[in-house]
Amino acid sequence: MLHYTPIIHTLNYRGYDISILRLDMIDSEISGNKWFKLKYNLREAKLQGKDTVITFGGAFSNHIAATAYACKETGLKCIGIIRGEASSGDNATLAFAKKNSMQFKFLSREAYKQKDSPEYLNALQQNYPSAYVIPEGGDNALGQKGCEEILSDATHDYTHLFCAYGTGTTAKGISKSLRNHQTLRAINVLKYEANSDLQNIEILNEYHFGGYAKHTSELIEFKNWFEENFNVELDYVYTSKAFYALFDLIKKNKLNTSDKILMIHTGGLQGNKGYEARYNLNPKRHVNDAQG
């Protein structure tokens, strides 16, 4: 996988300078935090002499799409265990994964709940002895290790950092490379109370808009407004909620104009077409593709 060069764009809102770490621009296909979560996992698969990667995700999963492409690029076969019936495979995400040689195994939602159990994982390893298993979303120690590298010398001056929070892998990785003067606010996109025992992370639980992969008209309006005004595309599941939270904190005077703010854009843009088809959305297109 290619060397990571941080790209930072800056915008101004109500007198606040907001810098955006554009992880969505790292790679055209393995973009965002997925690039970091996969980096050491795929390296470990090679070190162990495995020829196949098995991983998990929903039918619109950014992780599934990124893993399929990354495996093809690194010469590994790939199997995706997909939550849902085979009929859910007719979408842009899984079509892309299939084009990149991923094979699918569909599980009912009930059966999928067992994917992390020792019994299921042991049986999976026995059935595929030459396979390296990556958890859903790349949520393991090596995924966190990769996410430790999201911050760099280019981000050390910032004091208030923000990112979306799903499995927590990205936030936990980032927390290990924060400087003493830095704090991270992670915007939980799932409808449950997440808590952190790390002093330098605060999890905001009130911006889920109904839960994972859910939205309201208010969120859609914000996404359209943001893209029109700042020419940066957001995804529906993660970054729209994260940016909404940041702008809401500014409106409520929870931040100071002197704060050095960095929003980490975690990518996920490949899922927009599938999400729009699923919910019959017809959004305005304001973003110049050449600029992200």
Foldseek 3Di string as FASTA:
>chain_A
DDDDDWDWDWDDDPLAIEIEGFQQPRDVFCGFLSCLLVPVLVVVLVVVVFQEEEEEDELLDSNLRNVLQVCLVVRHAYEYEYEDDPVSNPFDSNVNSVVSRYHYDYDYNVVVVCCPPPVNVVVVCVVRVRYRYAYPPSPDPSSLCSLLPSDDPVCQVAAEEEWEDEPCSNVNSVLVNHDPRHAYEYEYLAQDDDDDPDPRYHYDRPQNCHGALHHDVVLLVQQLVCCQVPQDHAADGIDSSRVVVVVVCVVVVVDDSPGRYYYYRRHSPSSRRVSCVVVVNDGDDRHDVVVD
